[in-house]
Amino acid sequence: MKKLLLTMLAIFLSVTPLVLAESYTTELQSAYSYAYDISITTQPTIDAANMYGSLIRAHMAKMMVNYAESILGLSPNEWLTCNFTDIDDQSTEMKGYIKEACQLGLMGQGITSFKPNDSVTRAQFGTVLSRAIYGDAYNDGDPYYIDHLNALRSAGIMTKIDTPDMKEVRWYVMLMMMRASETPSTQPSQCDTSEIQLLCLVGSPDCPSECQSNGTVAGNISVSKISTEVGTLPSGTKYVGSLKFTATNSDITIQTFTFQKIGTFTKGWIEDDGVQIALMQSALTDTSTTVTFSPSLKIKSGESKTLSIFIESTSASEQWVNLTNKQNIQSSASVIEWSFPMRVAE
């Protein structure tokens, strides 16, 4: 009898799939349903969809092509050849998706090796999603992904961008696509691009009328120096100091800082909670340097942001930055409260 029961159990297991019950949040179940409805996944159940599985580049190409064409209404530029030397072992279907991802401007530009089986990082997925939504508006960041991730965070689509090198999983991709589709307007305001902001800052006639402030500013912002713990830094990187911005009476946006430079350094940048959000321009040669936030840095009324300043230099000489007057900050605030000049240094 025992042998018979074991035989029957073996037969049952051989013909019955073993389904392990997973725990899925309501939002995650909604993300699966959304992805299934638009053919991002064709698996008929959430368990079969391998929600916690890692994502590879070939599969991201398929998912993003379906999303870009079905939801965003994008069309590939079929004049682009988009040939890759390492996709011969992919299926005909997958080769088609890889080519379309390239022709849509999402993946594979300027390369001949697509690396279809490589894992996808948060930085890579965020960049591709941003390109699908915003086009090439945020392609000029350094590192390449920073402006893309910040744009997605500002839109409330991607909130976890502090670990750009983490391996991406399928459920997160579906969730981000669903959030993007629920965002009222996923098209970036041209006023948030660094090029337009600089044109308007210098009073250029090429500044679009909708981006001109016409003197309509509101709200107060106070600025103070603080010191924060930044941990161990790479060789050649120096923490200069931090500025705390507090908005009162109204939400405010900050477009640019202009620092006076003291000392010589080759590169400088601003971090918000450990994430690089803006670079210093002409840090190597000029005596002053401008930091442009793209999209604009937003601070809600009653809230604060602490921005930390870092530079890259091998020089042993004294190095710091200085805010000399209120005109150093281009923002929507009507009143800026601080003590001038403000030397930012450890």
C-alpha atoms as a PDB file:
ATOM      1  CA  MET A   1       0.000   0.000   0.000  1.00  0.00           C
ATOM      2  CA  LYS A   2       2.817   2.433   0.872  1.00  0.00           C
ATOM      3  CA  LYS A   3       4.490   1.716  -2.468  1.00  0.00           C
ATOM      4  CA  LEU A   4       1.185   2.285  -4.282  1.00  0.00           C
ATOM      5  CA  LEU A   5       0.654   5.644  -2.539  1.00  0.00           C
ATOM      6  CA  LEU A   6       4.167   6.773  -3.441  1.00  0.00           C
ATOM      7  CA  THR A   7       3.607   5.756  -7.057  1.00  0.00           C
ATOM      8  CA  MET A   8       0.309   7.661  -7.197  1.00  0.00           C
ATOM      9  CA  LEU A   9       1.965  10.726  -5.634  1.00  0.00           C
ATOM     10  CA  ALA A  10       4.754  10.647  -8.208  1.00  0.00           C
ATOM     11  CA  ILE A  11       2.219  10.450 -11.045  1.00  0.00           C
ATOM     12  CA  PHE A  12       0.233  13.342  -9.560  1.00  0.00           C
ATOM     13  CA  LEU A  13       3.317  15.553  -9.250  1.00  0.00           C
ATOM     14  CA  SER A  14       4.410  14.727 -12.804  1.00  0.00           C
ATOM     15  CA  VAL A  15       1.170  16.047 -14.314  1.00  0.00           C
ATOM     16  CA  THR A  16       0.279  18.806 -11.833  1.00  0.00           C
ATOM     17  CA  PRO A  17       2.304  22.041 -11.757  1.00  0.00           C
ATOM     18  CA  LEU A  18       3.568  22.984  -8.331  1.00  0.00           C
ATOM     19  CA  VAL A  19       2.399  26.521  -7.580  1.00  0.00           C
ATOM     20  CA  LEU A  20       3.938  28.280  -4.623  1.00  0.00           C
ATOM     21  CA  ALA A  21       1.656  30.877  -3.133  1.00  0.00           C
ATOM     22  CA  GLU A  22       3.281  34.286  -3.263  1.00  0.00           C
ATOM     23  CA  SER A  23       2.278  37.348  -1.307  1.00  0.00           C
ATOM     24  CA  TYR A  24       1.319  40.215  -3.598  1.00  0.00           C
ATOM     25  CA  THR A  25       0.235  43.676  -2.540  1.00  0.00           C
ATOM     26  CA  THR A  26      -2.903  45.200  -4.012  1.00  0.00           C
ATOM     27  CA  GLU A  27      -0.766  47.599  -6.061  1.00  0.00           C
ATOM     28  CA  LEU A  28       1.329  44.729  -7.377  1.00  0.00           C
ATOM     29  CA  GLN A  29      -1.758  42.750  -8.383  1.00  0.00           C
ATOM     30  CA  SER A  30      -3.045  45.849 -10.178  1.00  0.00           C
ATOM     31  CA  ALA A  31       0.314  46.219 -11.937  1.00  0.00           C
ATOM     32  CA  TYR A  32       0.130  42.613 -13.157  1.00  0.00           C
ATOM     33  CA  SER A  33      -3.446  43.102 -14.423  1.00  0.00           C
ATOM     34  CA  TYR A  34      -2.378  46.285 -16.205  1.00  0.00           C
ATOM     35  CA  ALA A  35       0.634  44.574 -17.800  1.00  0.00           C
ATOM     36  CA  TYR A  36      -1.456  41.588 -18.880  1.00  0.00           C
ATOM     37  CA  ASP A  37      -4.150  43.782 -20.421  1.00  0.00           C
ATOM     38  CA  ILE A  38      -1.626  45.552 -22.670  1.00  0.00           C
ATOM     39  CA  SER A  39       0.381  42.384 -23.479  1.00  0.00           C
ATOM     40  CA  ILE A  40       3.506  43.371 -21.548  1.00  0.00           C
ATOM     41  CA  THR A  41       3.112  39.895 -20.077  1.00  0.00           C
ATOM     42  CA  THR A  42       1.110  37.108 -21.674  1.00  0.00           C
ATOM     43  CA  GLN A  43       1.115  34.847 -18.603  1.00  0.00           C
ATOM     44  CA  PRO A  44      -2.485  34.118 -17.531  1.00  0.00           C
ATOM     45  CA  THR A  45      -1.813  34.255 -13.764  1.00  0.00           C
ATOM     46  CA  ILE A  46       0.285  36.470 -11.544  1.00  0.00           C
ATOM     47  CA  ASP A  47       2.224  33.447 -10.228  1.00  0.00           C
ATOM     48  CA  ALA A  48       3.111  32.373 -13.766  1.00  0.00           C
ATOM     49  CA  ALA A  49       4.327  35.901 -14.605  1.00  0.00           C
ATOM     50  CA  ASN A  50       7.519  35.437 -12.547  1.00  0.00           C
ATOM     51  CA  MET A  51       6.992  38.813 -10.874  1.00  0.00           C
ATOM     52  CA  TYR A  52      10.092  38.510  -8.712  1.00  0.00           C
ATOM     53  CA  GLY A  53      12.319  37.306 -11.525  1.00  0.00           C
ATOM     54  CA  SER A  54      15.249  39.410 -12.693  1.00  0.00           C
ATOM     55  CA  LEU A  55      14.973  41.293 -15.978  1.00  0.00           C
ATOM     56  CA  ILE A  56      17.341  40.874 -18.930  1.00  0.00           C
ATOM     57  CA  ARG A  57      17.848  43.338 -21.774  1.00  0.00           C
ATOM     58  CA  ALA A  58      16.047  41.294 -24.450  1.00  0.00           C
ATOM     59  CA  HIS A  59      12.934  40.994 -22.285  1.00  0.00           C
ATOM     60  CA  MET A  60      13.047  44.695 -21.411  1.00  0.00           C
ATOM     61  CA  ALA A  61      13.132  45.467 -25.132  1.00  0.00           C
ATOM     62  CA  LYS A  62       9.927  43.468 -25.658  1.00  0.00           C
ATOM     63  CA  MET A  63       8.148  45.006 -22.678  1.00  0.00           C
ATOM     64  CA  MET A  64       9.132  48.565 -23.557  1.00  0.00           C
ATOM     65  CA  VAL A  65       8.246  48.235 -27.245  1.00  0.00           C
ATOM     66  CA  ASN A  66       4.749  47.014 -26.346  1.00  0.00           C
ATOM     67  CA  TYR A  67       4.367  49.846 -23.826  1.00  0.00           C
ATOM     68  CA  ALA A  68       5.733  52.557 -26.121  1.00  0.00           C
ATOM     69  CA  GLU A  69       3.593  51.569 -29.084  1.00  0.00           C
ATOM     70  CA  SER A  70       0.371  50.417 -27.379  1.00  0.00           C
ATOM     71  CA  ILE A  71       0.150  53.026 -24.615  1.00  0.00           C
ATOM     72  CA  LEU A  72       2.254  55.977 -25.749  1.00  0.00           C
ATOM     73  CA  GLY A  73       1.442  55.674 -29.441  1.00  0.00           C
ATOM     74  CA  LEU A  74       5.076  55.817 -30.558  1.00  0.00           C
ATOM     75  CA  SER A  75       6.194  54.538 -33.960  1.00  0.00           C
ATOM     76  CA  PRO A  76       9.666  53.187 -34.848  1.00  0.00           C
ATOM     77  CA  ASN A  77      11.887  54.978 -37.338  1.00  0.00           C
ATOM     78  CA  GLU A  78      12.186  52.160 -39.851  1.00  0.00           C
ATOM     79  CA  TRP A  79      14.973  53.975 -41.718  1.00  0.00           C
ATOM     80  CA  LEU A  80      17.346  53.083 -38.881  1.00  0.00           C
ATOM     81  CA  THR A  81      19.209  49.837 -39.600  1.00  0.00           C
ATOM     82  CA  CYS A  82      20.004  48.925 -35.958  1.00  0.00           C
ATOM     83  CA  ASN A  83      22.212  45.909 -36.614  1.00  0.00           C
ATOM     84  CA  PHE A  84      23.722  44.003 -33.683  1.00  0.00           C
ATOM     85  CA  THR A  85      26.398  41.333 -33.796  1.00  0.00           C
ATOM     86  CA  ASP A  86      25.293  39.263 -30.788  1.00  0.00           C
ATOM     87  CA  ILE A  87      21.587  38.481 -31.303  1.00  0.00           C
ATOM     88  CA  ASP A  88      21.817  35.617 -33.812  1.00  0.00           C
ATOM     89  CA  ASP A  89      20.760  33.103 -31.138  1.00  0.00           C
ATOM     90  CA  GLN A  90      17.600  35.080 -30.302  1.00  0.00           C
ATOM     91  CA  SER A  91      14.212  34.042 -31.654  1.00  0.00           C
ATOM     92  CA  THR A  92      12.811  35.819 -34.690  1.00  0.00           C
ATOM     93  CA  GLU A  93      10.248  37.489 -32.443  1.00  0.00           C
ATOM     94  CA  MET A  94      12.881  38.720 -30.004  1.00  0.00           C
ATOM     95  CA  LYS A  95      15.131  39.990 -32.806  1.00  0.00           C
ATOM     96  CA  GLY A  96      12.195  42.062 -34.002  1.00  0.00           C
ATOM     97  CA  TYR A  97      11.622  43.587 -30.570  1.00  0.00           C
ATOM     98  CA  ILE A  98      15.326  44.402 -30.156  1.00  0.00           C
ATOM     99  CA  LYS A  99      15.381  46.162 -33.518  1.00  0.00           C
ATOM    100  CA  GLU A 100      12.198  48.089 -32.724  1.00  0.00           C
ATOM    101  CA  ALA A 101      13.544  49.164 -29.330  1.00  0.00           C
ATOM    102  CA  CYS A 102      16.475  50.687 -31.197  1.00  0.00           C
ATOM    103  CA  GLN A 103      14.313  52.274 -33.902  1.00  0.00           C
ATOM    104  CA  LEU A 104      12.129  53.826 -31.187  1.00  0.00           C
ATOM    105  CA  GLY A 105      15.207  55.471 -29.676  1.00  0.00           C
ATOM    106  CA  LEU A 106      14.908  53.502 -26.435  1.00  0.00           C
ATOM    107  CA  MET A 107      17.870  51.092 -26.498  1.00  0.00           C
ATOM    108  CA  GLY A 108      20.919  50.228 -28.545  1.00  0.00           C
ATOM    109  CA  GLN A 109      21.863  53.608 -30.012  1.00  0.00           C
ATOM    110  CA  GLY A 110      25.476  53.870 -31.150  1.00  0.00           C
ATOM    111  CA  ILE A 111      26.452  50.300 -30.266  1.00  0.00           C
ATOM    112  CA  THR A 112      26.857  47.051 -32.184  1.00  0.00           C
ATOM    113  CA  SER A 113      26.710  44.660 -29.197  1.00  0.00           C
ATOM    114  CA  PHE A 114      23.213  44.592 -27.657  1.00  0.00           C
ATOM    115  CA  LYS A 115      24.044  42.108 -24.847  1.00  0.00           C
ATOM    116  CA  PRO A 116      20.517  40.622 -24.870  1.00  0.00           C
ATOM    117  CA  ASN A 117      21.060  38.304 -21.894  1.00  0.00           C
ATOM    118  CA  ASP A 118      22.654  40.858 -19.550  1.00  0.00           C
ATOM    119  CA  SER A 119      20.774  41.796 -16.401  1.00  0.00           C
ATOM    120  CA  VAL A 120      19.099  45.200 -16.311  1.00  0.00           C
ATOM    121  CA  THR A 121      19.856  47.717 -13.558  1.00  0.00           C
ATOM    122  CA  ARG A 122      17.539  50.344 -12.087  1.00  0.00           C
ATOM    123  CA  ALA A 123      19.571  53.023 -13.895  1.00  0.00           C
ATOM    124  CA  GLN A 124      19.160  51.292 -17.259  1.00  0.00           C
ATOM    125  CA  PHE A 125      15.434  50.666 -16.905  1.00  0.00           C
ATOM    126  CA  GLY A 126      14.776  54.204 -15.657  1.00  0.00           C
ATOM    127  CA  THR A 127      16.680  55.607 -18.624  1.00  0.00           C
ATOM    128  CA  VAL A 128      14.672  53.548 -21.126  1.00  0.00           C
ATOM    129  CA  LEU A 129      11.343  54.394 -19.453  1.00  0.00           C
ATOM    130  CA  SER A 130      12.251  58.087 -19.402  1.00  0.00           C
ATOM    131  CA  ARG A 131      13.154  57.999 -23.100  1.00  0.00           C
ATOM    132  CA  ALA A 132       9.800  56.400 -23.891  1.00  0.00           C
ATOM    133  CA  ILE A 133       7.934  59.098 -21.956  1.00  0.00           C
ATOM    134  CA  TYR A 134      10.097  62.184 -22.476  1.00  0.00           C
ATOM    135  CA  GLY A 135      12.083  61.438 -25.629  1.00  0.00           C
ATOM    136  CA  ASP A 136      15.669  62.710 -25.511  1.00  0.00           C
ATOM    137  CA  ALA A 137      14.946  65.581 -23.070  1.00  0.00           C
ATOM    138  CA  TYR A 138      17.134  64.066 -20.334  1.00  0.00           C
ATOM    139  CA  ASN A 139      19.842  62.322 -22.375  1.00  0.00           C
ATOM    140  CA  ASP A 140      22.681  64.683 -21.443  1.00  0.00           C
ATOM    141  CA  GLY A 141      23.110  63.879 -17.748  1.00  0.00           C
ATOM    142  CA  ASP A 142      26.385  62.805 -16.160  1.00  0.00           C
ATOM    143  CA  PRO A 143      26.211  59.978 -15.293  1.00  0.00           C
ATOM    144  CA  TYR A 144      23.930  59.143 -18.190  1.00  0.00           C
ATOM    145  CA  TYR A 145      20.968  58.069 -16.049  1.00  0.00           C
ATOM    146  CA  ILE A 146      20.822  60.854 -13.445  1.00  0.00           C
ATOM    147  CA  ASP A 147      18.523  63.301 -15.262  1.00  0.00           C
ATOM    148  CA  HIS A 148      16.251  60.465 -16.373  1.00  0.00           C
ATOM    149  CA  LEU A 149      15.799  59.140 -12.820  1.00  0.00           C
ATOM    150  CA  ASN A 150      15.286  62.596 -11.348  1.00  0.00           C
ATOM    151  CA  ALA A 151      12.603  63.360 -13.948  1.00  0.00           C
ATOM    152  CA  LEU A 152      10.776  60.133 -13.076  1.00  0.00           C
ATOM    153  CA  ARG A 153      11.046  60.908  -9.367  1.00  0.00           C
ATOM    154  CA  SER A 154       9.739  64.454  -9.865  1.00  0.00           C
ATOM    155  CA  ALA A 155       6.746  63.025 -11.732  1.00  0.00           C
ATOM    156  CA  GLY A 156       6.003  60.604  -8.876  1.00  0.00           C
ATOM    157  CA  ILE A 157       6.640  57.587 -11.092  1.00  0.00           C
ATOM    158  CA  MET A 158       9.902  56.175  -9.711  1.00  0.00           C
ATOM    159  CA  THR A 159      10.540  56.935  -6.049  1.00  0.00           C
ATOM    160  CA  LYS A 160      13.452  54.618  -5.295  1.00  0.00           C
ATOM    161  CA  ILE A 161      16.440  55.921  -7.256  1.00  0.00           C
ATOM    162  CA  ASP A 162      19.164  55.861  -4.593  1.00  0.00           C
ATOM    163  CA  THR A 163      20.539  52.473  -5.722  1.00  0.00           C
ATOM    164  CA  PRO A 164      20.906  52.838  -9.515  1.00  0.00           C
ATOM    165  CA  ASP A 165      23.115  49.730  -9.816  1.00  0.00           C
ATOM    166  CA  MET A 166      20.610  47.333  -8.263  1.00  0.00           C
ATOM    167  CA  LYS A 167      19.308  44.534 -10.495  1.00  0.00           C
ATOM    168  CA  GLU A 168      15.817  45.236 -11.796  1.00  0.00           C
ATOM    169  CA  VAL A 169      12.912  42.804 -11.329  1.00  0.00           C
ATOM    170  CA  ARG A 170       9.856  42.277 -13.480  1.00  0.00           C
ATOM    171  CA  TRP A 171       7.207  43.417 -11.004  1.00  0.00           C
ATOM    172  CA  TYR A 172       8.883  46.803 -10.567  1.00  0.00           C
ATOM    173  CA  VAL A 173       8.901  47.372 -14.322  1.00  0.00           C
ATOM    174  CA  MET A 174       5.181  46.634 -14.540  1.00  0.00           C
ATOM    175  CA  LEU A 175       4.472  48.874 -11.568  1.00  0.00           C
ATOM    176  CA  MET A 176       6.417  51.796 -13.025  1.00  0.00           C
ATOM    177  CA  MET A 177       4.608  51.490 -16.352  1.00  0.00           C
ATOM    178  CA  MET A 178       1.261  51.507 -14.576  1.00  0.00           C
ATOM    179  CA  ARG A 179       2.223  54.570 -12.515  1.00  0.00           C
ATOM    180  CA  ALA A 180       3.412  56.376 -15.634  1.00  0.00           C
ATOM    181  CA  SER A 181       0.090  55.716 -17.364  1.00  0.00           C
ATOM    182  CA  GLU A 182      -1.761  57.109 -14.327  1.00  0.00           C
ATOM    183  CA  THR A 183       0.316  60.297 -14.184  1.00  0.00           C
ATOM    184  CA  PRO A 184      -1.872  63.167 -15.488  1.00  0.00           C
ATOM    185  CA  SER A 185       0.864  64.555 -17.742  1.00  0.00           C
ATOM    186  CA  THR A 186       3.975  62.597 -18.503  1.00  0.00           C
ATOM    187  CA  GLN A 187       5.308  65.050 -21.039  1.00  0.00           C
ATOM    188  CA  PRO A 188       8.026  67.289 -19.561  1.00  0.00           C
ATOM    189  CA  SER A 189       7.525  71.015 -19.546  1.00  0.00           C
ATOM    190  CA  GLN A 190      10.045  72.559 -21.904  1.00  0.00           C
ATOM    191  CA  CYS A 191      10.578  75.147 -19.171  1.00  0.00           C
ATOM    192  CA  ASP A 192      12.254  72.416 -17.078  1.00  0.00           C
ATOM    193  CA  THR A 193      15.019  71.697 -19.589  1.00  0.00           C
ATOM    194  CA  SER A 194      18.432  73.166 -18.832  1.00  0.00           C
ATOM    195  CA  GLU A 195      18.704  74.788 -22.290  1.00  0.00           C
ATOM    196  CA  ILE A 196      15.430  76.710 -21.948  1.00  0.00           C
ATOM    197  CA  GLN A 197      16.169  77.670 -18.349  1.00  0.00           C
ATOM    198  CA  LEU A 198      19.486  79.215 -19.358  1.00  0.00           C
ATOM    199  CA  LEU A 199      17.872  81.098 -22.263  1.00  0.00           C
ATOM    200  CA  CYS A 200      15.280  82.557 -19.909  1.00  0.00           C
ATOM    201  CA  LEU A 201      17.878  83.285 -17.230  1.00  0.00           C
ATOM    202  CA  VAL A 202      19.898  85.520 -19.552  1.00  0.00           C
ATOM    203  CA  GLY A 203      16.786  87.194 -20.989  1.00  0.00           C
ATOM    204  CA  SER A 204      17.143  85.688 -24.450  1.00  0.00           C
ATOM    205  CA  PRO A 205      14.324  86.423 -26.931  1.00  0.00           C
ATOM    206  CA  ASP A 206      14.327  82.668 -27.624  1.00  0.00           C
ATOM    207  CA  CYS A 207      12.880  82.036 -24.140  1.00  0.00           C
ATOM    208  CA  PRO A 208       9.306  80.744 -24.773  1.00  0.00           C
ATOM    209  CA  SER A 209       6.576  83.046 -23.486  1.00  0.00           C
ATOM    210  CA  GLU A 210       5.112  80.355 -21.237  1.00  0.00           C
ATOM    211  CA  CYS A 211       8.496  80.022 -19.514  1.00  0.00           C
ATOM    212  CA  GLN A 212       8.847  83.716 -18.728  1.00  0.00           C
ATOM    213  CA  SER A 213       8.008  84.505 -15.131  1.00  0.00           C
ATOM    214  CA  ASN A 214       6.727  88.055 -15.833  1.00  0.00           C
ATOM    215  CA  GLY A 215       7.613  88.925 -12.262  1.00  0.00           C
ATOM    216  CA  THR A 216       5.097  86.512 -10.744  1.00  0.00           C
ATOM    217  CA  VAL A 217       6.976  85.102  -7.760  1.00  0.00           C
ATOM    218  CA  ALA A 218       5.646  83.996  -4.413  1.00  0.00           C
ATOM    219  CA  GLY A 219       6.763  82.413  -1.183  1.00  0.00           C
ATOM    220  CA  ASN A 220       9.762  82.724   1.090  1.00  0.00           C
ATOM    221  CA  ILE A 221      12.796  80.519   1.273  1.00  0.00           C
ATOM    222  CA  SER A 222      15.428  80.515   3.977  1.00  0.00           C
ATOM    223  CA  VAL A 223      18.951  79.288   3.306  1.00  0.00           C
ATOM    224  CA  SER A 224      21.404  78.133   5.952  1.00  0.00           C
ATOM    225  CA  LYS A 225      24.681  76.257   6.123  1.00  0.00           C
ATOM    226  CA  ILE A 226      24.795  72.894   7.844  1.00  0.00           C
ATOM    227  CA  SER A 227      27.190  69.961   8.013  1.00  0.00           C
ATOM    228  CA  THR A 228      26.055  66.416   7.290  1.00  0.00           C
ATOM    229  CA  GLU A 229      27.674  63.012   7.636  1.00  0.00           C
ATOM    230  CA  VAL A 230      28.658  61.757   4.183  1.00  0.00           C
ATOM    231  CA  GLY A 231      30.681  58.662   5.069  1.00  0.00           C
ATOM    232  CA  THR A 232      33.838  57.499   3.329  1.00  0.00           C
ATOM    233  CA  LEU A 233      34.423  59.187  -0.032  1.00  0.00           C
ATOM    234  CA  PRO A 234      36.422  57.911  -3.013  1.00  0.00           C
ATOM    235  CA  SER A 235      39.970  59.160  -3.419  1.00  0.00           C
ATOM    236  CA  GLY A 236      40.027  62.622  -4.971  1.00  0.00           C
ATOM    237  CA  THR A 237      36.464  63.482  -3.883  1.00  0.00           C
ATOM    238  CA  LYS A 238      35.943  66.204  -1.291  1.00  0.00           C
ATOM    239  CA  TYR A 239      32.817  67.152   0.624  1.00  0.00           C
ATOM    240  CA  VAL A 240      32.602  70.952   0.612  1.00  0.00           C
ATOM    241  CA  GLY A 241      29.517  71.486   2.769  1.00  0.00           C
ATOM    242  CA  SER A 242      25.724  71.517   2.697  1.00  0.00           C
ATOM    243  CA  LEU A 243      22.974  74.080   2.275  1.00  0.00           C
ATOM    244  CA  LYS A 244      19.538  73.693   3.836  1.00  0.00           C
ATOM    245  CA  PHE A 245      16.616  75.264   1.971  1.00  0.00           C
ATOM    246  CA  THR A 246      13.278  75.703   3.758  1.00  0.00           C
ATOM    247  CA  ALA A 247      10.170  76.877   1.899  1.00  0.00           C
ATOM    248  CA  THR A 248       7.506  78.888   3.743  1.00  0.00           C
ATOM    249  CA  ASN A 249       4.151  80.357   2.665  1.00  0.00           C
ATOM    250  CA  SER A 250       4.224  78.645  -0.723  1.00  0.00           C
ATOM    251  CA  ASP A 251       5.794  75.831  -2.735  1.00  0.00           C
ATOM    252  CA  ILE A 252       8.940  77.059  -4.470  1.00  0.00           C
ATOM    253  CA  THR A 253      11.122  75.897  -7.338  1.00  0.00           C
ATOM    254  CA  ILE A 254      14.839  76.494  -7.772  1.00  0.00           C
ATOM    255  CA  GLN A 255      16.315  76.656 -11.266  1.00  0.00           C
ATOM    256  CA  THR A 256      19.991  77.565 -10.775  1.00  0.00           C
ATOM    257  CA  PHE A 257      22.781  78.391  -8.315  1.00  0.00           C
ATOM    258  CA  THR A 258      25.824  80.439  -9.255  1.00  0.00           C
ATOM    259  CA  PHE A 259      28.831  79.887  -6.999  1.00  0.00           C
ATOM    260  CA  GLN A 260      32.014  81.890  -6.723  1.00  0.00           C
ATOM    261  CA  LYS A 261      34.890  79.386  -6.831  1.00  0.00           C
ATOM    262  CA  ILE A 262      37.783  79.511  -4.421  1.00  0.00           C
ATOM    263  CA  GLY A 263      40.620  77.178  -5.327  1.00  0.00           C
ATOM    264  CA  THR A 264      41.029  74.873  -8.305  1.00  0.00           C
ATOM    265  CA  PHE A 265      38.948  71.796  -8.911  1.00  0.00           C
ATOM    266  CA  THR A 266      38.044  69.873 -12.051  1.00  0.00           C
ATOM    267  CA  LYS A 267      34.489  68.793 -11.302  1.00  0.00           C
ATOM    268  CA  GLY A 268      31.712  69.629  -8.871  1.00  0.00           C
ATOM    269  CA  TRP A 269      28.205  68.387  -8.221  1.00  0.00           C
ATOM    270  CA  ILE A 270      25.179  68.607  -5.914  1.00  0.00           C
ATOM    271  CA  GLU A 271      23.641  65.650  -4.096  1.00  0.00           C
ATOM    272  CA  ASP A 272      20.205  65.290  -2.525  1.00  0.00           C
ATOM    273  CA  ASP A 273      20.113  62.510   0.066  1.00  0.00           C
ATOM    274  CA  GLY A 274      23.109  60.796  -1.523  1.00  0.00           C
ATOM    275  CA  VAL A 275      21.849  61.055  -5.115  1.00  0.00           C
ATOM    276  CA  GLN A 276      23.625  63.312  -7.603  1.00  0.00           C
ATOM    277  CA  ILE A 277      21.055  65.725  -9.042  1.00  0.00           C
ATOM    278  CA  ALA A 278      23.109  68.442 -10.763  1.00  0.00           C
ATOM    279  CA  LEU A 279      26.617  69.214 -12.045  1.00  0.00           C
ATOM    280  CA  MET A 280      28.660  72.400 -11.819  1.00  0.00           C
ATOM    281  CA  GLN A 281      29.257  73.870 -15.261  1.00  0.00           C
ATOM    282  CA  SER A 282      32.754  75.033 -16.309  1.00  0.00           C
ATOM    283  CA  ALA A 283      34.152  73.959 -12.952  1.00  0.00           C
ATOM    284  CA  LEU A 284      37.630  73.412 -14.388  1.00  0.00           C
ATOM    285  CA  THR A 285      38.433  76.858 -15.781  1.00  0.00           C
ATOM    286  CA  ASP A 286      36.056  79.579 -14.607  1.00  0.00           C
ATOM    287  CA  THR A 287      36.155  81.579 -11.366  1.00  0.00           C
ATOM    288  CA  SER A 288      32.404  81.069 -11.039  1.00  0.00           C
ATOM    289  CA  THR A 289      30.270  78.040 -11.786  1.00  0.00           C
ATOM    290  CA  THR A 290      26.549  77.606 -12.401  1.00  0.00           C
ATOM    291  CA  VAL A 291      24.490  74.646 -11.260  1.00  0.00           C
ATOM    292  CA  THR A 292      21.314  74.086 -13.279  1.00  0.00           C
ATOM    293  CA  PHE A 293      18.576  71.805 -11.977  1.00  0.00           C
ATOM    294  CA  SER A 294      16.730  69.962 -14.733  1.00  0.00           C
ATOM    295  CA  PRO A 295      13.924  69.464 -13.945  1.00  0.00           C
ATOM    296  CA  SER A 296      13.657  72.381 -11.518  1.00  0.00           C
ATOM    297  CA  LEU A 297      14.177  71.537  -7.863  1.00  0.00           C
ATOM    298  CA  LYS A 298      10.810  71.653  -6.094  1.00  0.00           C
ATOM    299  CA  ILE A 299      10.369  72.244  -2.343  1.00  0.00           C
ATOM    300  CA  LYS A 300       6.886  72.097  -0.829  1.00  0.00           C
ATOM    301  CA  SER A 301       5.698  74.744   1.614  1.00  0.00           C
ATOM    302  CA  GLY A 302       6.813  73.937   5.149  1.00  0.00           C
ATOM    303  CA  GLU A 303       9.401  71.400   3.998  1.00  0.00           C
ATOM    304  CA  SER A 304      13.181  71.507   3.677  1.00  0.00           C
ATOM    305  CA  LYS A 305      15.832  70.049   1.426  1.00  0.00           C
ATOM    306  CA  THR A 306      19.475  69.594   2.334  1.00  0.00           C
ATOM    307  CA  LEU A 307      21.771  69.773  -0.674  1.00  0.00           C
ATOM    308  CA  SER A 308      25.379  68.642  -0.287  1.00  0.00           C
ATOM    309  CA  ILE A 309      28.211  69.998  -2.417  1.00  0.00           C
ATOM    310  CA  PHE A 310      31.099  67.815  -3.611  1.00  0.00           C
ATOM    311  CA  ILE A 311      34.136  68.478  -5.758  1.00  0.00           C
ATOM    312  CA  GLU A 312      36.727  66.310  -7.455  1.00  0.00           C
ATOM    313  CA  SER A 313      40.321  67.437  -7.087  1.00  0.00           C
ATOM    314  CA  THR A 314      43.779  66.163  -6.211  1.00  0.00           C
ATOM    315  CA  SER A 315      45.005  69.602  -5.138  1.00  0.00           C
ATOM    316  CA  ALA A 316      45.981  70.149  -1.504  1.00  0.00           C
ATOM    317  CA  SER A 317      45.104  73.860  -1.663  1.00  0.00           C
ATOM    318  CA  GLU A 318      42.040  75.373   0.017  1.00  0.00           C
ATOM    319  CA  GLN A 319      38.861  74.836  -1.970  1.00  0.00           C
ATOM    320  CA  TRP A 320      35.334  76.073  -1.307  1.00  0.00           C
ATOM    321  CA  VAL A 321      32.435  77.921  -2.922  1.00  0.00           C
ATOM    322  CA  ASN A 322      30.745  81.189  -2.061  1.00  0.00           C
ATOM    323  CA  LEU A 323      27.254  82.602  -2.563  1.00  0.00           C
ATOM    324  CA  THR A 324      27.820  86.341  -2.752  1.00  0.00           C
ATOM    325  CA  ASN A 325      24.283  87.774  -3.120  1.00  0.00           C
ATOM    326  CA  LYS A 326      20.629  86.859  -3.620  1.00  0.00           C
ATOM    327  CA  GLN A 327      21.026  86.973  -7.376  1.00  0.00           C
ATOM    328  CA  ASN A 328      23.129  83.813  -7.014  1.00  0.00           C
ATOM    329  CA  ILE A 329      19.878  81.847  -6.801  1.00  0.00           C
ATOM    330  CA  GLN A 330      17.300  81.791  -9.591  1.00  0.00           C
ATOM    331  CA  SER A 331      14.016  80.629  -8.054  1.00  0.00           C
ATOM    332  CA  SER A 332      10.287  81.277  -7.774  1.00  0.00           C
ATOM    333  CA  ALA A 333      10.628  82.677  -4.239  1.00  0.00           C
ATOM    334  CA  SER A 334       9.760  86.328  -3.653  1.00  0.00           C
ATOM    335  CA  VAL A 335      11.928  86.532  -0.513  1.00  0.00           C
ATOM    336  CA  ILE A 336      15.234  84.785   0.090  1.00  0.00           C
ATOM    337  CA  GLU A 337      16.401  84.883   3.697  1.00  0.00           C
ATOM    338  CA  TRP A 338      20.105  84.335   4.393  1.00  0.00           C
ATOM    339  CA  SER A 339      23.314  86.045   5.505  1.00  0.00           C
ATOM    340  CA  PHE A 340      25.628  87.364   2.767  1.00  0.00           C
ATOM    341  CA  PRO A 341      28.182  86.416   1.674  1.00  0.00           C
ATOM    342  CA  MET A 342      27.717  82.751   2.451  1.00  0.00           C
ATOM    343  CA  ARG A 343      30.905  80.729   2.423  1.00  0.00           C
ATOM    344  CA  VAL A 344      30.192  77.020   1.998  1.00  0.00           C
ATOM    345  CA  ALA A 345      33.114  75.080   3.420  1.00  0.00           C
ATOM    346  CA  GLU A 346      33.843  72.415   5.999  1.00  0.00           C
END
